[in-house]
PDB file of all heavy atoms in Angstrom:
ATOM      1  N   SER A   1     148.820 336.764  63.215  1.00  0.00           N
ATOM      2  CA  SER A   1     147.763 336.839  62.213  1.00  0.00           C
ATOM      3  C   SER A   1     148.095 335.904  61.053  1.00  0.00           C
ATOM      4  O   SER A   1     149.229 335.421  60.910  1.00  0.00           O
ATOM      5  CB  SER A   1     147.625 338.271  61.705  1.00  0.00           C
ATOM      6  OG  SER A   1     148.811 338.677  61.040  1.00  0.00           O
ATOM      7  N   SER A   2     147.109 335.675  60.200  1.00  0.00           N
ATOM      8  CA  SER A   2     147.295 334.765  59.055  1.00  0.00           C
ATOM      9  C   SER A   2     148.445 335.185  58.133  1.00  0.00           C
ATOM     10  O   SER A   2     149.220 334.322  57.694  1.00  0.00           O
ATOM     11  CB  SER A   2     145.993 334.650  58.261  1.00  0.00           C
ATOM     12  OG  SER A   2     144.993 334.037  59.038  1.00  0.00           O
ATOM     13  N   PRO A   3     148.592 336.480  57.811  1.00  0.00           N
ATOM     14  CA  PRO A   3     149.722 336.855  56.949  1.00  0.00           C
ATOM     15  C   PRO A   3     151.079 336.527  57.570  1.00  0.00           C
ATOM     16  O   PRO A   3     151.996 336.088  56.865  1.00  0.00           O
ATOM     17  CB  PRO A   3     149.542 338.362  56.765  1.00  0.00           C
ATOM     18  CG  PRO A   3     148.080 338.585  56.961  1.00  0.00           C
ATOM     19  CD  PRO A   3     147.681 337.628  58.032  1.00  0.00           C
ATOM     20  N   TRP A   4     151.212 336.718  58.896  1.00  0.00           N
ATOM     21  CA  TRP A   4     152.481 336.381  59.536  1.00  0.00           C
ATOM     22  C   TRP A   4     152.713 334.882  59.506  1.00  0.00           C
ATOM     23  O   TRP A   4     153.842 334.411  59.277  1.00  0.00           O
ATOM     24  CB  TRP A   4     152.517 336.893  60.969  1.00  0.00           C
ATOM     25  CG  TRP A   4     152.744 338.368  61.114  1.00  0.00           C
ATOM     26  CD1 TRP A   4     151.993 339.245  61.842  1.00  0.00           C
ATOM     27  CD2 TRP A   4     153.794 339.143  60.521  1.00  0.00           C
ATOM     28  NE1 TRP A   4     152.501 340.520  61.739  1.00  0.00           N
ATOM     29  CE2 TRP A   4     153.610 340.480  60.927  1.00  0.00           C
ATOM     30  CE3 TRP A   4     154.865 338.839  59.682  1.00  0.00           C
ATOM     31  CZ2 TRP A   4     154.456 341.515  60.527  1.00  0.00           C
ATOM     32  CZ3 TRP A   4     155.708 339.862  59.275  1.00  0.00           C
ATOM     33  CH2 TRP A   4     155.503 341.172  59.693  1.00  0.00           C
ATOM     34  N   ARG A   5     151.681 334.101  59.739  1.00  0.00           N
ATOM     35  CA  ARG A   5     151.839 332.650  59.710  1.00  0.00           C
ATOM     36  C   ARG A   5     152.275 332.171  58.329  1.00  0.00           C
ATOM     37  O   ARG A   5     153.164 331.331  58.202  1.00  0.00           O
ATOM     38  CB  ARG A   5     150.526 331.970  60.120  1.00  0.00           C
ATOM     39  CG  ARG A   5     150.157 332.148  61.584  1.00  0.00           C
ATOM     40  CD  ARG A   5     148.902 331.375  61.927  1.00  0.00           C
ATOM     41  NE  ARG A   5     148.521 331.526  63.330  1.00  0.00           N
ATOM     42  CZ  ARG A   5     147.520 330.872  63.905  1.00  0.00           C
ATOM     43  NH1 ARG A   5     146.787 330.041  63.180  1.00  0.00           N
ATOM     44  NH2 ARG A   5     147.251 331.059  65.178  1.00  0.00           N
ATOM     45  N   ALA A   6     151.643 332.734  57.291  1.00  0.00           N
ATOM     46  CA  ALA A   6     152.005 332.353  55.925  1.00  0.00           C
ATOM     47  C   ALA A   6     153.443 332.754  55.602  1.00  0.00           C
ATOM     48  O   ALA A   6     154.182 332.006  54.941  1.00  0.00           O
ATOM     49  CB  ALA A   6     151.035 332.988  54.925  1.00  0.00           C
ATOM     50  N   SER A   7     153.858 333.924  56.065  1.00  0.00           N
ATOM     51  CA  SER A   7     155.243 334.370  55.845  1.00  0.00           C
ATOM     52  C   SER A   7     156.225 333.433  56.520  1.00  0.00           C
ATOM     53  O   SER A   7     157.288 333.091  55.960  1.00  0.00           O
ATOM     54  CB  SER A   7     155.428 335.798  56.383  1.00  0.00           C
ATOM     55  OG  SER A   7     154.602 336.711  55.714  1.00  0.00           O
ATOM     56  N   LEU A   8     155.884 332.995  57.733  1.00  0.00           N
ATOM     57  CA  LEU A   8     156.752 332.066  58.456  1.00  0.00           C
ATOM     58  C   LEU A   8     156.802 330.705  57.779  1.00  0.00           C
ATOM     59  O   LEU A   8     157.850 330.052  57.755  1.00  0.00           O
ATOM     60  CB  LEU A   8     156.275 331.925  59.898  1.00  0.00           C
ATOM     61  CG  LEU A   8     156.577 333.121  60.804  1.00  0.00           C
ATOM     62  CD1 LEU A   8     155.768 333.037  62.083  1.00  0.00           C
ATOM     63  CD2 LEU A   8     158.073 333.179  61.126  1.00  0.00           C
ATOM     64  N   GLU A   9     155.690 330.264  57.224  1.00  0.00           N
ATOM     65  CA  GLU A   9     155.684 329.010  56.470  1.00  0.00           C
ATOM     66  C   GLU A   9     156.683 329.079  55.315  1.00  0.00           C
ATOM     67  O   GLU A   9     157.435 328.131  55.055  1.00  0.00           O
ATOM     68  CB  GLU A   9     154.284 328.729  55.933  1.00  0.00           C
ATOM     69  CG  GLU A   9     153.275 328.313  56.990  1.00  0.00           C
ATOM     70  CD  GLU A   9     151.858 328.261  56.449  1.00  0.00           C
ATOM     71  OE1 GLU A   9     151.664 328.557  55.248  1.00  0.00           O
ATOM     72  OE2 GLU A   9     150.942 327.922  57.225  1.00  0.00           O
ATOM     73  N   GLU A  10     156.686 330.220  54.633  1.00  0.00           N
ATOM     74  CA  GLU A  10     157.611 330.395  53.510  1.00  0.00           C
ATOM     75  C   GLU A  10     159.063 330.452  53.986  1.00  0.00           C
ATOM     76  O   GLU A  10     159.954 329.886  53.353  1.00  0.00           O
ATOM     77  CB  GLU A  10     157.241 331.664  52.735  1.00  0.00           C
ATOM     78  CG  GLU A  10     155.915 331.589  52.004  1.00  0.00           C
ATOM     79  CD  GLU A  10     155.907 330.512  50.937  1.00  0.00           C
ATOM     80  OE1 GLU A  10     156.922 330.342  50.230  1.00  0.00           O
ATOM     81  OE2 GLU A  10     154.878 329.810  50.831  1.00  0.00           O
ATOM     82  N   ALA A  11     159.296 331.138  55.103  1.00  0.00           N
ATOM     83  CA  ALA A  11     160.660 331.220  55.633  1.00  0.00           C
ATOM     84  C   ALA A  11     161.184 329.844  56.027  1.00  0.00           C
ATOM     85  O   ALA A  11     162.349 329.505  55.767  1.00  0.00           O
ATOM     86  CB  ALA A  11     160.689 332.159  56.842  1.00  0.00           C
ATOM     87  N   TRP A  12     160.322 329.035  56.647  1.00  0.00           N
ATOM     88  CA  TRP A  12     160.734 327.687  57.047  1.00  0.00           C
ATOM     89  C   TRP A  12     160.986 326.804  55.824  1.00  0.00           C
ATOM     90  O   TRP A  12     161.940 326.021  55.791  1.00  0.00           O
ATOM     91  CB  TRP A  12     159.681 327.077  57.961  1.00  0.00           C
ATOM     92  CG  TRP A  12     159.979 325.697  58.474  1.00  0.00           C
ATOM     93  CD1 TRP A  12     159.180 324.603  58.381  1.00  0.00           C
ATOM     94  CD2 TRP A  12     161.139 325.268  59.199  1.00  0.00           C
ATOM     95  NE1 TRP A  12     159.761 323.522  58.985  1.00  0.00           N
ATOM     96  CE2 TRP A  12     160.974 323.897  59.495  1.00  0.00           C
ATOM     97  CE3 TRP A  12     162.305 325.911  59.599  1.00  0.00           C
ATOM     98  CZ2 TRP A  12     161.934 323.150  60.191  1.00  0.00           C
ATOM     99  CZ3 TRP A  12     163.268 325.176  60.295  1.00  0.00           C
ATOM    100  CH2 TRP A  12     163.076 323.821  60.581  1.00  0.00           C
ATOM    101  N   SER A  13     160.161 326.951  54.795  1.00  0.00           N
ATOM    102  CA  SER A  13     160.386 326.209  53.552  1.00  0.00           C
ATOM    103  C   SER A  13     161.730 326.574  52.936  1.00  0.00           C
ATOM    104  O   SER A  13     162.448 325.717  52.423  1.00  0.00           O
ATOM    105  CB  SER A  13     159.260 326.477  52.552  1.00  0.00           C
ATOM    106  OG  SER A  13     158.038 325.942  52.997  1.00  0.00           O
ATOM    107  N   ALA A  14     162.053 327.875  52.996  1.00  0.00           N
ATOM    108  CA  ALA A  14     163.340 328.327  52.462  1.00  0.00           C
ATOM    109  C   ALA A  14     164.493 327.712  53.253  1.00  0.00           C
ATOM    110  O   ALA A  14     165.479 327.237  52.679  1.00  0.00           O
ATOM    111  CB  ALA A  14     163.415 329.846  52.501  1.00  0.00           C
ATOM    112  N   TYR A  15     164.365 327.707  54.578  1.00  0.00           N
ATOM    113  CA  TYR A  15     165.415 327.120  55.415  1.00  0.00           C
ATOM    114  C   TYR A  15     165.598 325.642  55.078  1.00  0.00           C
ATOM    115  O   TYR A  15     166.728 325.171  54.897  1.00  0.00           O
ATOM    116  CB  TYR A  15     165.078 327.271  56.893  1.00  0.00           C
ATOM    117  CG  TYR A  15     166.135 326.695  57.809  1.00  0.00           C
ATOM    118  CD1 TYR A  15     167.173 327.495  58.286  1.00  0.00           C
ATOM    119  CD2 TYR A  15     166.117 325.357  58.171  1.00  0.00           C
ATOM    120  CE1 TYR A  15     168.164 326.959  59.097  1.00  0.00           C
ATOM    121  CE2 TYR A  15     167.102 324.814  58.978  1.00  0.00           C
ATOM    122  CZ  TYR A  15     168.122 325.619  59.435  1.00  0.00           C
ATOM    123  OH  TYR A  15     169.113 325.073  60.228  1.00  0.00           O
ATOM    124  N   CYS A  16     164.493 324.915  54.999  1.00  0.00           N
ATOM    125  CA  CYS A  16     164.560 323.479  54.735  1.00  0.00           C
ATOM    126  C   CYS A  16     165.143 323.171  53.355  1.00  0.00           C
ATOM    127  O   CYS A  16     165.713 322.095  53.139  1.00  0.00           O
ATOM    128  CB  CYS A  16     163.173 322.854  54.862  1.00  0.00           C
ATOM    129  SG  CYS A  16     162.524 322.853  56.564  1.00  0.00           S
ATOM    130  N   ALA A  17     165.020 324.138  52.424  1.00  0.00           N
ATOM    131  CA  ALA A  17     165.561 323.955  51.078  1.00  0.00           C
ATOM    132  C   ALA A  17     167.016 324.400  50.978  1.00  0.00           C
ATOM    133  O   ALA A  17     167.622 324.296  49.910  1.00  0.00           O
ATOM    134  CB  ALA A  17     164.719 324.735  50.068  1.00  0.00           C
ATOM    135  N   GLY A  18     167.565 324.910  52.088  1.00  0.00           N
ATOM    136  CA  GLY A  18     168.957 325.342  52.080  1.00  0.00           C
ATOM    137  C   GLY A  18     169.165 326.765  51.617  1.00  0.00           C
ATOM    138  O   GLY A  18     170.302 327.181  51.376  1.00  0.00           O
ATOM    139  N   SER A  19     168.073 327.518  51.500  1.00  0.00           N
ATOM    140  CA  SER A  19     168.181 328.920  51.106  1.00  0.00           C
ATOM    141  C   SER A  19     168.077 329.816  52.341  1.00  0.00           C
ATOM    142  O   SER A  19     167.934 329.334  53.464  1.00  0.00           O
ATOM    143  CB  SER A  19     167.077 329.276  50.098  1.00  0.00           C
ATOM    144  OG  SER A  19     167.377 328.721  48.820  1.00  0.00           O
ATOM    145  N   VAL A  20     168.142 331.121  52.140  1.00  0.00           N
ATOM    146  CA  VAL A  20     168.069 332.075  53.240  1.00  0.00           C
ATOM    147  C   VAL A  20     166.646 332.050  53.803  1.00  0.00           C
ATOM    148  O   VAL A  20     165.677 332.167  53.045  1.00  0.00           O
ATOM    149  CB  VAL A  20     168.428 333.494  52.762  1.00  0.00           C
ATOM    150  CG1 VAL A  20     168.380 334.486  53.926  1.00  0.00           C
ATOM    151  CG2 VAL A  20     169.821 333.487  52.126  1.00  0.00           C
ATOM    152  N   PRO A  21     166.470 331.884  55.129  1.00  0.00           N
ATOM    153  CA  PRO A  21     165.132 331.715  55.709  1.00  0.00           C
ATOM    154  C   PRO A  21     164.323 333.000  55.833  1.00  0.00           C
ATOM    155  O   PRO A  21     164.111 333.534  56.922  1.00  0.00           O
ATOM    156  CB  PRO A  21     165.431 331.110  57.080  1.00  0.00           C
ATOM    157  CG  PRO A  21     166.768 331.665  57.443  1.00  0.00           C
ATOM    158  CD  PRO A  21     167.523 331.720  56.144  1.00  0.00           C
ATOM    159  N   ILE A  22     163.871 333.489  54.699  1.00  0.00           N
ATOM    160  CA  ILE A  22     163.021 334.679  54.657  1.00  0.00           C
ATOM    161  C   ILE A  22     161.799 334.351  53.810  1.00  0.00           C
ATOM    162  O   ILE A  22     161.927 333.760  52.731  1.00  0.00           O
ATOM    163  CB  ILE A  22     163.770 335.893  54.083  1.00  0.00           C
ATOM    164  CG1 ILE A  22     164.965 336.242  54.976  1.00  0.00           C
ATOM    165  CG2 ILE A  22     162.841 337.097  53.944  1.00  0.00           C
ATOM    166  CD1 ILE A  22     165.829 337.369  54.443  1.00  0.00           C
ATOM    167  N   GLY A  23     160.614 334.725  54.310  1.00  0.00           N
ATOM    168  CA  GLY A  23     159.377 334.504  53.581  1.00  0.00           C
ATOM    169  C   GLY A  23     158.561 335.770  53.537  1.00  0.00           C
ATOM    170  O   GLY A  23     158.677 336.636  54.411  1.00  0.00           O
ATOM    171  N   ALA A  24     157.720 335.897  52.515  1.00  0.00           N
ATOM    172  CA  ALA A  24     156.902 337.098  52.353  1.00  0.00           C
ATOM    173  C   ALA A  24     155.577 336.748  51.698  1.00  0.00           C
ATOM    174  O   ALA A  24     155.487 335.763  50.944  1.00  0.00           O
ATOM    175  CB  ALA A  24     157.638 338.135  51.509  1.00  0.00           C
ATOM    176  N   VAL A  25     154.568 337.545  51.997  1.00  0.00           N
ATOM    177  CA  VAL A  25     153.259 337.381  51.353  1.00  0.00           C
ATOM    178  C   VAL A  25     152.681 338.755  51.053  1.00  0.00           C
ATOM    179  O   VAL A  25     153.056 339.755  51.678  1.00  0.00           O
ATOM    180  CB  VAL A  25     152.264 336.590  52.234  1.00  0.00           C
ATOM    181  CG1 VAL A  25     152.798 335.201  52.555  1.00  0.00           C
ATOM    182  CG2 VAL A  25     151.922 337.347  53.510  1.00  0.00           C
ATOM    183  N   VAL A  26     151.752 338.784  50.108  1.00  0.00           N
ATOM    184  CA  VAL A  26     150.999 340.000  49.805  1.00  0.00           C
ATOM    185  C   VAL A  26     149.527 339.706  50.060  1.00  0.00           C
ATOM    186  O   VAL A  26     149.013 338.660  49.622  1.00  0.00           O
ATOM    187  CB  VAL A  26     151.200 340.452  48.343  1.00  0.00           C
ATOM    188  CG1 VAL A  26     150.375 341.714  48.068  1.00  0.00           C
ATOM    189  CG2 VAL A  26     152.674 340.714  48.049  1.00  0.00           C
ATOM    190  N   VAL A  27     148.863 340.602  50.785  1.00  0.00           N
ATOM    191  CA  VAL A  27     147.430 340.451  51.065  1.00  0.00           C
ATOM    192  C   VAL A  27     146.699 341.701  50.599  1.00  0.00           C
ATOM    193  O   VAL A  27     147.303 342.769  50.436  1.00  0.00           O
ATOM    194  CB  VAL A  27     147.175 340.220  52.572  1.00  0.00           C
ATOM    195  CG1 VAL A  27     147.900 338.982  53.063  1.00  0.00           C
ATOM    196  CG2 VAL A  27     147.584 341.442  53.397  1.00  0.00           C
ATOM    197  N   ASP A  28     145.377 341.558  50.393  1.00  0.00           N
ATOM    198  CA  ASP A  28     144.593 342.728  50.011  1.00  0.00           C
ATOM    199  C   ASP A  28     144.137 343.481  51.260  1.00  0.00           C
ATOM    200  O   ASP A  28     144.531 343.135  52.382  1.00  0.00           O
ATOM    201  CB  ASP A  28     143.404 342.331  49.124  1.00  0.00           C
ATOM    202  CG  ASP A  28     142.369 341.460  49.840  1.00  0.00           C
ATOM    203  OD1 ASP A  28     142.397 341.369  51.090  1.00  0.00           O
ATOM    204  OD2 ASP A  28     141.525 340.865  49.139  1.00  0.00           O
ATOM    205  N   GLY A  29     143.314 344.486  51.068  1.00  0.00           N
ATOM    206  CA  GLY A  29     142.897 345.326  52.187  1.00  0.00           C
ATOM    207  C   GLY A  29     142.087 344.604  53.246  1.00  0.00           C
ATOM    208  O   GLY A  29     142.001 345.063  54.389  1.00  0.00           O
ATOM    209  N   GLN A  30     141.506 343.441  52.894  1.00  0.00           N
ATOM    210  CA  GLN A  30     140.732 342.651  53.851  1.00  0.00           C
ATOM    211  C   GLN A  30     141.558 341.512  54.458  1.00  0.00           C
ATOM    212  O   GLN A  30     141.042 340.684  55.191  1.00  0.00           O
ATOM    213  CB  GLN A  30     139.485 342.070  53.173  1.00  0.00           C
ATOM    214  CG  GLN A  30     138.392 343.085  52.871  1.00  0.00           C
ATOM    215  CD  GLN A  30     138.785 344.051  51.764  1.00  0.00           C
ATOM    216  OE1 GLN A  30     139.225 343.630  50.697  1.00  0.00           O
ATOM    217  NE2 GLN A  30     138.661 345.340  52.035  1.00  0.00           N
ATOM    218  N   GLY A  31     142.847 341.485  54.108  1.00  0.00           N
ATOM    219  CA  GLY A  31     143.721 340.452  54.645  1.00  0.00           C
ATOM    220  C   GLY A  31     143.720 339.156  53.864  1.00  0.00           C
ATOM    221  O   GLY A  31     144.316 338.161  54.299  1.00  0.00           O
ATOM    222  N   LYS A  32     143.066 339.132  52.699  1.00  0.00           N
ATOM    223  CA  LYS A  32     143.042 337.928  51.869  1.00  0.00           C
ATOM    224  C   LYS A  32     144.403 337.714  51.216  1.00  0.00           C
ATOM    225  O   LYS A  32     144.971 338.631  50.623  1.00  0.00           O
ATOM    226  CB  LYS A  32     141.965 338.054  50.794  1.00  0.00           C
ATOM    227  CG  LYS A  32     141.893 336.861  49.849  1.00  0.00           C
ATOM    228  CD  LYS A  32     140.879 337.090  48.745  1.00  0.00           C
ATOM    229  CE  LYS A  32     140.873 335.932  47.748  1.00  0.00           C
ATOM    230  NZ  LYS A  32     139.906 336.167  46.641  1.00  0.00           N
ATOM    231  N   LEU A  33     144.914 336.509  51.319  1.00  0.00           N
ATOM    232  CA  LEU A  33     146.222 336.184  50.744  1.00  0.00           C
ATOM    233  C   LEU A  33     146.141 336.187  49.225  1.00  0.00           C
ATOM    234  O   LEU A  33     145.321 335.485  48.629  1.00  0.00           O
ATOM    235  CB  LEU A  33     146.683 334.813  51.247  1.00  0.00           C
ATOM    236  CG  LEU A  33     148.075 334.359  50.810  1.00  0.00           C
ATOM    237  CD1 LEU A  33     149.148 335.251  51.412  1.00  0.00           C
ATOM    238  CD2 LEU A  33     148.308 332.906  51.225  1.00  0.00           C
ATOM    239  N   LEU A  34     146.997 336.997  48.593  1.00  0.00           N
ATOM    240  CA  LEU A  34     147.024 337.102  47.140  1.00  0.00           C
ATOM    241  C   LEU A  34     148.223 336.408  46.518  1.00  0.00           C
ATOM    242  O   LEU A  34     148.138 335.865  45.419  1.00  0.00           O
ATOM    243  CB  LEU A  34     147.024 338.574  46.723  1.00  0.00           C
ATOM    244  CG  LEU A  34     145.823 339.403  47.155  1.00  0.00           C
ATOM    245  CD1 LEU A  34     146.025 340.858  46.744  1.00  0.00           C
ATOM    246  CD2 LEU A  34     144.532 338.858  46.545  1.00  0.00           C
ATOM    247  N   SER A  35     149.348 336.438  47.222  1.00  0.00           N
ATOM    248  CA  SER A  35     150.559 335.804  46.685  1.00  0.00           C
ATOM    249  C   SER A  35     151.536 335.547  47.813  1.00  0.00           C
ATOM    250  O   SER A  35     151.433 336.141  48.890  1.00  0.00           O
ATOM    251  CB  SER A  35     151.216 336.666  45.601  1.00  0.00           C
ATOM    252  OG  SER A  35     151.692 337.887  46.150  1.00  0.00           O
ATOM    253  N   ARG A  36     152.474 334.670  47.566  1.00  0.00           N
ATOM    254  CA  ARG A  36     153.484 334.367  48.568  1.00  0.00           C
ATOM    255  C   ARG A  36     154.803 334.063  47.864  1.00  0.00           C
ATOM    256  O   ARG A  36     154.841 333.701  46.687  1.00  0.00           O
ATOM    257  CB  ARG A  36     153.052 333.199  49.456  1.00  0.00           C
ATOM    258  CG  ARG A  36     152.632 331.954  48.731  1.00  0.00           C
ATOM    259  CD  ARG A  36     151.711 331.080  49.599  1.00  0.00           C
ATOM    260  NE  ARG A  36     152.359 330.640  50.816  1.00  0.00           N
ATOM    261  CZ  ARG A  36     151.705 330.186  51.888  1.00  0.00           C
ATOM    262  NH1 ARG A  36     150.374 330.134  51.879  1.00  0.00           N
ATOM    263  NH2 ARG A  36     152.343 329.784  52.957  1.00  0.00           N
ATOM    264  N   GLY A  37     155.894 334.256  48.583  1.00  0.00           N
ATOM    265  CA  GLY A  37     157.208 334.007  47.995  1.00  0.00           C
ATOM    266  C   GLY A  37     158.217 333.743  49.091  1.00  0.00           C
ATOM    267  O   GLY A  37     157.999 334.091  50.253  1.00  0.00           O
ATOM    268  N   ARG A  38     159.309 333.121  48.713  1.00  0.00           N
ATOM    269  CA  ARG A  38     160.389 332.861  49.663  1.00  0.00           C
ATOM    270  C   ARG A  38     161.725 333.005  48.974  1.00  0.00           C
ATOM    271  O   ARG A  38     161.806 333.030  47.736  1.00  0.00           O
ATOM    272  CB  ARG A  38     160.258 331.475  50.273  1.00  0.00           C
ATOM    273  CG  ARG A  38     160.372 330.306  49.296  1.00  0.00           C
ATOM    274  CD  ARG A  38     160.345 329.009  50.086  1.00  0.00           C
ATOM    275  NE  ARG A  38     160.311 327.812  49.268  1.00  0.00           N
ATOM    276  CZ  ARG A  38     161.375 327.233  48.725  1.00  0.00           C
ATOM    277  NH1 ARG A  38     162.575 327.787  48.862  1.00  0.00           N
ATOM    278  NH2 ARG A  38     161.258 326.130  48.016  1.00  0.00           N
ATOM    279  N   ASN A  39     162.744 333.127  49.775  1.00  0.00           N
ATOM    280  CA  ASN A  39     164.083 333.174  49.216  1.00  0.00           C
ATOM    281  C   ASN A  39     164.379 331.825  48.557  1.00  0.00           C
ATOM    282  O   ASN A  39     164.163 330.771  49.156  1.00  0.00           O
ATOM    283  CB  ASN A  39     165.096 333.457  50.327  1.00  0.00           C
ATOM    284  CG  ASN A  39     166.490 333.693  49.778  1.00  0.00           C
ATOM    285  OD1 ASN A  39     167.151 332.767  49.331  1.00  0.00           O
ATOM    286  ND2 ASN A  39     166.953 334.932  49.811  1.00  0.00           N
ATOM    287  N   ARG A  40     164.829 331.873  47.324  1.00  0.00           N
ATOM    288  CA  ARG A  40     165.157 330.664  46.559  1.00  0.00           C
ATOM    289  C   ARG A  40     166.579 330.743  46.002  1.00  0.00           C
ATOM    290  O   ARG A  40     166.875 330.174  44.958  1.00  0.00           O
ATOM    291  CB  ARG A  40     164.159 330.471  45.418  1.00  0.00           C
ATOM    292  CG  ARG A  40     162.737 330.134  45.885  1.00  0.00           C
ATOM    293  CD  ARG A  40     161.784 330.007  44.718  1.00  0.00           C
ATOM    294  NE  ARG A  40     160.436 329.635  45.145  1.00  0.00           N
ATOM    295  CZ  ARG A  40     159.992 328.377  45.247  1.00  0.00           C
ATOM    296  NH1 ARG A  40     160.812 327.371  44.956  1.00  0.00           N
ATOM    297  NH2 ARG A  40     158.761 328.128  45.634  1.00  0.00           N
ATOM    298  N   ARG A  41     167.432 331.435  46.724  1.00  0.00           N
ATOM    299  CA  ARG A  41     168.790 331.659  46.220  1.00  0.00           C
ATOM    300  C   ARG A  41     169.525 330.352  45.916  1.00  0.00           C
ATOM    301  O   ARG A  41     170.292 330.267  44.965  1.00  0.00           O
ATOM    302  CB  ARG A  41     169.581 332.480  47.242  1.00  0.00           C
ATOM    303  CG  ARG A  41     170.988 332.816  46.787  1.00  0.00           C
ATOM    304  CD  ARG A  41     171.671 333.774  47.721  1.00  0.00           C
ATOM    305  NE  ARG A  41     173.023 334.057  47.287  1.00  0.00           N
ATOM    306  CZ  ARG A  41     173.849 334.895  47.899  1.00  0.00           C
ATOM    307  NH1 ARG A  41     173.425 335.556  48.971  1.00  0.00           N
ATOM    308  NH2 ARG A  41     175.066 335.100  47.444  1.00  0.00           N
TER     309      ARG A  41
END
């Protein structure tokens, strides 16, 4: 689903930046993407 794809995009960005490859997003009840974040250690 779209939320999983967005989370994976963030995880890959974290990996490419040398951080821990974890990504996360927040969606509303209809699945609309509201925010996203990744590990930036």
